Amino acid sequence: MEGCAVIINGVQEAAEGKSVAQVLQEKGIDLSNVAVERNGEIVPKRQYDSVILTAEDRLEIVSFVGGG
C-alpha cells in the first residue's frame, strides 16, 4: 500500500475512489460534529458526497467535543 494509499489521520487506508461522505459513514462519524481537511484545505460539508479520494490524498478528520 506504500505510495498509493489515502492517509487518514496519519494512517494509511484503502479509501481511494470513495467519497469523503463514504469514509465518514464507514467510520461511524456523525457528520454534524466534524470537520474534514483534504491535502491542507477544508472540505465544505456540502461537498462531502462529491469529493472523491485519490491515491496519496491526506485527510484529517476532526470531531468537535463539548464540555467544560
PDB file of N, CA and C in Angstrom:
ATOM      1  N   MET A   1       0.809  -1.192   0.000  1.00  0.00           N
ATOM      2  CA  MET A   1       0.000   0.000   0.000  1.00  0.00           C
ATOM      3  C   MET A   1       0.856   1.261   0.000  1.00  0.00           C
ATOM      4  N   GLU A   2       2.118   1.140   0.209  1.00  0.00           N
ATOM      5  CA  GLU A   2       3.027   2.284   0.262  1.00  0.00           C
ATOM      6  C   GLU A   2       2.935   3.094  -1.022  1.00  0.00           C
ATOM      7  N   GLY A   3       2.733   4.416  -0.900  1.00  0.00           N
ATOM      8  CA  GLY A   3       2.745   5.286  -2.052  1.00  0.00           C
ATOM      9  C   GLY A   3       1.435   5.394  -2.808  1.00  0.00           C
ATOM     10  N   CYS A   4       0.434   4.580  -2.496  1.00  0.00           N
ATOM     11  CA  CYS A   4      -0.817   4.668  -3.246  1.00  0.00           C
ATOM     12  C   CYS A   4      -2.037   4.717  -2.340  1.00  0.00           C
ATOM     13  N   ALA A   5      -1.854   4.714  -1.054  1.00  0.00           N
ATOM     14  CA  ALA A   5      -2.973   4.723  -0.121  1.00  0.00           C
ATOM     15  C   ALA A   5      -3.390   6.145   0.205  1.00  0.00           C
ATOM     16  N   VAL A   6      -4.599   6.254   0.703  1.00  0.00           N
ATOM     17  CA  VAL A   6      -5.074   7.509   1.261  1.00  0.00           C
ATOM     18  C   VAL A   6      -4.632   7.523   2.719  1.00  0.00           C
ATOM     19  N   ILE A   7      -4.123   8.652   3.185  1.00  0.00           N
ATOM     20  CA  ILE A   7      -3.704   8.782   4.581  1.00  0.00           C
ATOM     21  C   ILE A   7      -4.828   9.494   5.332  1.00  0.00           C
ATOM     22  N   ILE A   8      -5.380   8.817   6.341  1.00  0.00           N
ATOM     23  CA  ILE A   8      -6.467   9.393   7.138  1.00  0.00           C
ATOM     24  C   ILE A   8      -5.991   9.493   8.579  1.00  0.00           C
ATOM     25  N   ASN A   9      -5.881  10.727   9.068  1.00  0.00           N
ATOM     26  CA  ASN A   9      -5.369  10.993  10.408  1.00  0.00           C
ATOM     27  C   ASN A   9      -4.066  10.252  10.668  1.00  0.00           C
ATOM     28  N   GLY A  10      -3.183  10.276   9.661  1.00  0.00           N
ATOM     29  CA  GLY A  10      -1.856   9.704   9.812  1.00  0.00           C
ATOM     30  C   GLY A  10      -1.742   8.215   9.555  1.00  0.00           C
ATOM     31  N   VAL A  11      -2.844   7.549   9.186  1.00  0.00           N
ATOM     32  CA  VAL A  11      -2.841   6.103   8.969  1.00  0.00           C
ATOM     33  C   VAL A  11      -3.207   5.803   7.521  1.00  0.00           C
ATOM     34  N   GLN A  12      -2.434   4.917   6.876  1.00  0.00           N
ATOM     35  CA  GLN A  12      -2.747   4.521   5.503  1.00  0.00           C
ATOM     36  C   GLN A  12      -4.011   3.681   5.490  1.00  0.00           C
ATOM     37  N   GLU A  13      -4.911   4.011   4.586  1.00  0.00           N
ATOM     38  CA  GLU A  13      -6.157   3.253   4.458  1.00  0.00           C
ATOM     39  C   GLU A  13      -6.498   3.077   2.994  1.00  0.00           C
ATOM     40  N   ALA A  14      -7.211   2.012   2.685  1.00  0.00           N
ATOM     41  CA  ALA A  14      -7.651   1.744   1.316  1.00  0.00           C
ATOM     42  C   ALA A  14      -8.965   2.470   1.080  1.00  0.00           C
ATOM     43  N   ALA A  15      -8.889   3.768   0.822  1.00  0.00           N
ATOM     44  CA  ALA A  15     -10.092   4.582   0.629  1.00  0.00           C
ATOM     45  C   ALA A  15     -10.112   5.243  -0.735  1.00  0.00           C
ATOM     46  N   GLU A  16      -9.167   4.910  -1.588  1.00  0.00           N
ATOM     47  CA  GLU A  16      -9.113   5.510  -2.920  1.00  0.00           C
ATOM     48  C   GLU A  16     -10.400   5.193  -3.675  1.00  0.00           C
ATOM     49  N   GLY A  17     -10.973   6.211  -4.332  1.00  0.00           N
ATOM     50  CA  GLY A  17     -12.199   6.030  -5.091  1.00  0.00           C
ATOM     51  C   GLY A  17     -13.463   6.226  -4.286  1.00  0.00           C
ATOM     52  N   LYS A  18     -13.345   6.400  -2.988  1.00  0.00           N
ATOM     53  CA  LYS A  18     -14.501   6.646  -2.123  1.00  0.00           C
ATOM     54  C   LYS A  18     -14.675   8.142  -1.918  1.00  0.00           C
ATOM     55  N   SER A  19     -15.910   8.541  -1.634  1.00  0.00           N
ATOM     56  CA  SER A  19     -16.161   9.942  -1.318  1.00  0.00           C
ATOM     57  C   SER A  19     -15.837  10.185   0.154  1.00  0.00           C
ATOM     58  N   VAL A  20     -15.675  11.445   0.494  1.00  0.00           N
ATOM     59  CA  VAL A  20     -15.457  11.808   1.902  1.00  0.00           C
ATOM     60  C   VAL A  20     -16.640  11.305   2.731  1.00  0.00           C
ATOM     61  N   ALA A  21     -17.862  11.468   2.225  1.00  0.00           N
ATOM     62  CA  ALA A  21     -19.054  11.016   2.943  1.00  0.00           C
ATOM     63  C   ALA A  21     -19.009   9.508   3.207  1.00  0.00           C
ATOM     64  N   GLN A  22     -18.578   8.722   2.218  1.00  0.00           N
ATOM     65  CA  GLN A  22     -18.489   7.269   2.397  1.00  0.00           C
ATOM     66  C   GLN A  22     -17.493   6.910   3.497  1.00  0.00           C
ATOM     67  N   VAL A  23     -16.354   7.569   3.505  1.00  0.00           N
ATOM     68  CA  VAL A  23     -15.336   7.288   4.521  1.00  0.00           C
ATOM     69  C   VAL A  23     -15.880   7.610   5.912  1.00  0.00           C
ATOM     70  N   LEU A  24     -16.527   8.756   6.048  1.00  0.00           N
ATOM     71  CA  LEU A  24     -17.082   9.136   7.348  1.00  0.00           C
ATOM     72  C   LEU A  24     -18.154   8.149   7.792  1.00  0.00           C
ATOM     73  N   GLN A  25     -19.016   7.743   6.860  1.00  0.00           N
ATOM     74  CA  GLN A  25     -20.065   6.790   7.190  1.00  0.00           C
ATOM     75  C   GLN A  25     -19.469   5.451   7.634  1.00  0.00           C
ATOM     76  N   GLU A  26     -18.471   4.963   6.907  1.00  0.00           N
ATOM     77  CA  GLU A  26     -17.827   3.695   7.262  1.00  0.00           C
ATOM     78  C   GLU A  26     -17.196   3.750   8.645  1.00  0.00           C
ATOM     79  N   LYS A  27     -16.715   4.926   9.030  1.00  0.00           N
ATOM     80  CA  LYS A  27     -16.084   5.086  10.338  1.00  0.00           C
ATOM     81  C   LYS A  27     -17.109   5.394  11.439  1.00  0.00           C
ATOM     82  N   GLY A  28     -18.384   5.540  11.053  1.00  0.00           N
ATOM     83  CA  GLY A  28     -19.429   5.819  12.031  1.00  0.00           C
ATOM     84  C   GLY A  28     -19.348   7.223  12.611  1.00  0.00           C
ATOM     85  N   ILE A  29     -18.862   8.159  11.828  1.00  0.00           N
ATOM     86  CA  ILE A  29     -18.666   9.531  12.295  1.00  0.00           C
ATOM     87  C   ILE A  29     -19.906  10.365  11.989  1.00  0.00           C
ATOM     88  N   ASP A  30     -20.402  11.063  12.993  1.00  0.00           N
ATOM     89  CA  ASP A  30     -21.557  11.954  12.872  1.00  0.00           C
ATOM     90  C   ASP A  30     -21.150  13.187  12.066  1.00  0.00           C
ATOM     91  N   LEU A  31     -21.785  13.392  10.932  1.00  0.00           N
ATOM     92  CA  LEU A  31     -21.428  14.491  10.043  1.00  0.00           C
ATOM     93  C   LEU A  31     -21.692  15.869  10.637  1.00  0.00           C
ATOM     94  N   SER A  32     -22.558  15.949  11.623  1.00  0.00           N
ATOM     95  CA  SER A  32     -22.905  17.262  12.181  1.00  0.00           C
ATOM     96  C   SER A  32     -21.816  17.825  13.091  1.00  0.00           C
ATOM     97  N   ASN A  33     -20.929  16.987  13.585  1.00  0.00           N
ATOM     98  CA  ASN A  33     -19.899  17.440  14.529  1.00  0.00           C
ATOM     99  C   ASN A  33     -18.490  17.152  14.038  1.00  0.00           C
ATOM    100  N   VAL A  34     -18.253  17.369  12.752  1.00  0.00           N
ATOM    101  CA  VAL A  34     -16.954  17.007  12.202  1.00  0.00           C
ATOM    102  C   VAL A  34     -16.488  18.058  11.193  1.00  0.00           C
ATOM    103  N   ALA A  35     -15.178  18.194  11.091  1.00  0.00           N
ATOM    104  CA  ALA A  35     -14.557  18.998  10.046  1.00  0.00           C
ATOM    105  C   ALA A  35     -13.543  18.104   9.338  1.00  0.00           C
ATOM    106  N   VAL A  36     -13.441  18.257   8.027  1.00  0.00           N
ATOM    107  CA  VAL A  36     -12.524  17.430   7.241  1.00  0.00           C
ATOM    108  C   VAL A  36     -11.611  18.340   6.426  1.00  0.00           C
ATOM    109  N   GLU A  37     -10.329  18.035   6.495  1.00  0.00           N
ATOM    110  CA  GLU A  37      -9.328  18.730   5.702  1.00  0.00           C
ATOM    111  C   GLU A  37      -8.732  17.720   4.730  1.00  0.00           C
ATOM    112  N   ARG A  38      -8.654  18.099   3.460  1.00  0.00           N
ATOM    113  CA  ARG A  38      -8.053  17.240   2.430  1.00  0.00           C
ATOM    114  C   ARG A  38      -6.868  17.969   1.832  1.00  0.00           C
ATOM    115  N   ASN A  39      -5.709  17.401   1.982  1.00  0.00           N
ATOM    116  CA  ASN A  39      -4.480  17.981   1.430  1.00  0.00           C
ATOM    117  C   ASN A  39      -4.308  19.439   1.843  1.00  0.00           C
ATOM    118  N   GLY A  40      -4.610  19.732   3.104  1.00  0.00           N
ATOM    119  CA  GLY A  40      -4.385  21.063   3.650  1.00  0.00           C
ATOM    120  C   GLY A  40      -5.515  22.049   3.447  1.00  0.00           C
ATOM    121  N   GLU A  41      -6.613  21.628   2.808  1.00  0.00           N
ATOM    122  CA  GLU A  41      -7.734  22.532   2.576  1.00  0.00           C
ATOM    123  C   GLU A  41      -9.013  21.948   3.166  1.00  0.00           C
ATOM    124  N   ILE A  42      -9.816  22.803   3.827  1.00  0.00           N
ATOM    125  CA  ILE A  42     -11.078  22.366   4.404  1.00  0.00           C
ATOM    126  C   ILE A  42     -12.036  21.953   3.292  1.00  0.00           C
ATOM    127  N   VAL A  43     -12.719  20.816   3.494  1.00  0.00           N
ATOM    128  CA  VAL A  43     -13.743  20.363   2.558  1.00  0.00           C
ATOM    129  C   VAL A  43     -15.097  20.831   3.096  1.00  0.00           C
ATOM    130  N   PRO A  44     -15.816  21.676   2.364  1.00  0.00           N
ATOM    131  CA  PRO A  44     -17.140  22.099   2.815  1.00  0.00           C
ATOM    132  C   PRO A  44     -18.086  20.900   2.930  1.00  0.00           C
ATOM    133  N   LYS A  45     -18.916  20.887   3.960  1.00  0.00           N
ATOM    134  CA  LYS A  45     -19.837  19.762   4.175  1.00  0.00           C
ATOM    135  C   LYS A  45     -20.685  19.471   2.940  1.00  0.00           C
ATOM    136  N   ARG A  46     -21.092  20.491   2.217  1.00  0.00           N
ATOM    137  CA  ARG A  46     -21.939  20.284   1.038  1.00  0.00           C
ATOM    138  C   ARG A  46     -21.206  19.524  -0.065  1.00  0.00           C
ATOM    139  N   GLN A  47     -19.884  19.379   0.052  1.00  0.00           N
ATOM    140  CA  GLN A  47     -19.096  18.671  -0.964  1.00  0.00           C
ATOM    141  C   GLN A  47     -18.667  17.273  -0.529  1.00  0.00           C
ATOM    142  N   TYR A  48     -19.053  16.842   0.674  1.00  0.00           N
ATOM    143  CA  TYR A  48     -18.624  15.527   1.164  1.00  0.00           C
ATOM    144  C   TYR A  48     -18.997  14.398   0.200  1.00  0.00           C
ATOM    145  N   ASP A  49     -20.175  14.496  -0.448  1.00  0.00           N
ATOM    146  CA  ASP A  49     -20.587  13.444  -1.382  1.00  0.00           C
ATOM    147  C   ASP A  49     -19.839  13.500  -2.707  1.00  0.00           C
ATOM    148  N   SER A  50     -19.402  14.678  -3.103  1.00  0.00           N
ATOM    149  CA  SER A  50     -18.806  14.827  -4.431  1.00  0.00           C
ATOM    150  C   SER A  50     -17.279  14.781  -4.451  1.00  0.00           C
ATOM    151  N   VAL A  51     -16.628  14.926  -3.299  1.00  0.00           N
ATOM    152  CA  VAL A  51     -15.163  14.873  -3.264  1.00  0.00           C
ATOM    153  C   VAL A  51     -14.737  13.405  -3.191  1.00  0.00           C
ATOM    154  N   ILE A  52     -14.111  12.938  -4.269  1.00  0.00           N
ATOM    155  CA  ILE A  52     -13.660  11.547  -4.365  1.00  0.00           C
ATOM    156  C   ILE A  52     -12.165  11.495  -4.072  1.00  0.00           C
ATOM    157  N   LEU A  53     -11.794  10.588  -3.189  1.00  0.00           N
ATOM    158  CA  LEU A  53     -10.395  10.479  -2.766  1.00  0.00           C
ATOM    159  C   LEU A  53      -9.552   9.763  -3.817  1.00  0.00           C
ATOM    160  N   THR A  54      -8.332  10.244  -3.963  1.00  0.00           N
ATOM    161  CA  THR A  54      -7.392   9.654  -4.907  1.00  0.00           C
ATOM    162  C   THR A  54      -6.137   9.213  -4.150  1.00  0.00           C
ATOM    163  N   ALA A  55      -5.319   8.417  -4.819  1.00  0.00           N
ATOM    164  CA  ALA A  55      -4.084   7.908  -4.208  1.00  0.00           C
ATOM    165  C   ALA A  55      -3.258   9.062  -3.668  1.00  0.00           C
ATOM    166  N   GLU A  56      -2.739   8.865  -2.487  1.00  0.00           N
ATOM    167  CA  GLU A  56      -1.849   9.794  -1.801  1.00  0.00           C
ATOM    168  C   GLU A  56      -2.541  11.045  -1.260  1.00  0.00           C
ATOM    169  N   ASP A  57      -3.899  11.087  -1.281  1.00  0.00           N
ATOM    170  CA  ASP A  57      -4.598  12.165  -0.582  1.00  0.00           C
ATOM    171  C   ASP A  57      -4.327  12.029   0.909  1.00  0.00           C
ATOM    172  N   ARG A  58      -4.363  13.167   1.598  1.00  0.00           N
ATOM    173  CA  ARG A  58      -4.197  13.180   3.046  1.00  0.00           C
ATOM    174  C   ARG A  58      -5.427  13.844   3.648  1.00  0.00           C
ATOM    175  N   LEU A  59      -6.149  13.076   4.478  1.00  0.00           N
ATOM    176  CA  LEU A  59      -7.321  13.595   5.171  1.00  0.00           C
ATOM    177  C   LEU A  59      -7.031  13.749   6.650  1.00  0.00           C
ATOM    178  N   GLU A  60      -7.521  14.814   7.207  1.00  0.00           N
ATOM    179  CA  GLU A  60      -7.538  14.989   8.656  1.00  0.00           C
ATOM    180  C   GLU A  60      -8.999  15.159   9.028  1.00  0.00           C
ATOM    181  N   ILE A  61      -9.480  14.318   9.922  1.00  0.00           N
ATOM    182  CA  ILE A  61     -10.867  14.350  10.365  1.00  0.00           C
ATOM    183  C   ILE A  61     -10.857  14.748  11.827  1.00  0.00           C
ATOM    184  N   VAL A  62     -11.558  15.836  12.130  1.00  0.00           N
ATOM    185  CA  VAL A  62     -11.603  16.352  13.494  1.00  0.00           C
ATOM    186  C   VAL A  62     -13.051  16.399  13.963  1.00  0.00           C
ATOM    187  N   SER A  63     -13.329  15.784  15.109  1.00  0.00           N
ATOM    188  CA  SER A  63     -14.662  15.831  15.709  1.00  0.00           C
ATOM    189  C   SER A  63     -14.674  16.853  16.821  1.00  0.00           C
ATOM    190  N   PHE A  64     -15.784  17.560  16.931  1.00  0.00           N
ATOM    191  CA  PHE A  64     -15.939  18.557  17.982  1.00  0.00           C
ATOM    192  C   PHE A  64     -16.561  17.898  19.204  1.00  0.00           C
ATOM    193  N   VAL A  65     -15.986  18.191  20.377  1.00  0.00           N
ATOM    194  CA  VAL A  65     -16.478  17.634  21.618  1.00  0.00           C
ATOM    195  C   VAL A  65     -16.783  18.786  22.564  1.00  0.00           C
ATOM    196  N   GLY A  66     -17.996  18.793  23.097  1.00  0.00           N
ATOM    197  CA  GLY A  66     -18.381  19.834  24.046  1.00  0.00           C
ATOM    198  C   GLY A  66     -18.048  19.424  25.470  1.00  0.00           C
ATOM    199  N   GLY A  67     -18.058  20.364  26.334  1.00  0.00           N
ATOM    200  CA  GLY A  67     -17.783  20.054  27.735  1.00  0.00           C
ATOM    201  C   GLY A  67     -17.148  21.243  28.411  1.00  0.00           C
ATOM    202  N   GLY A  68     -16.838  21.047  29.656  1.00  0.00           N
ATOM    203  CA  GLY A  68     -16.243  22.180  30.323  1.00  0.00           C
ATOM    204  C   GLY A  68     -15.756  21.885  31.642  1.00  0.00           C
TER     205      GLY A  68
END
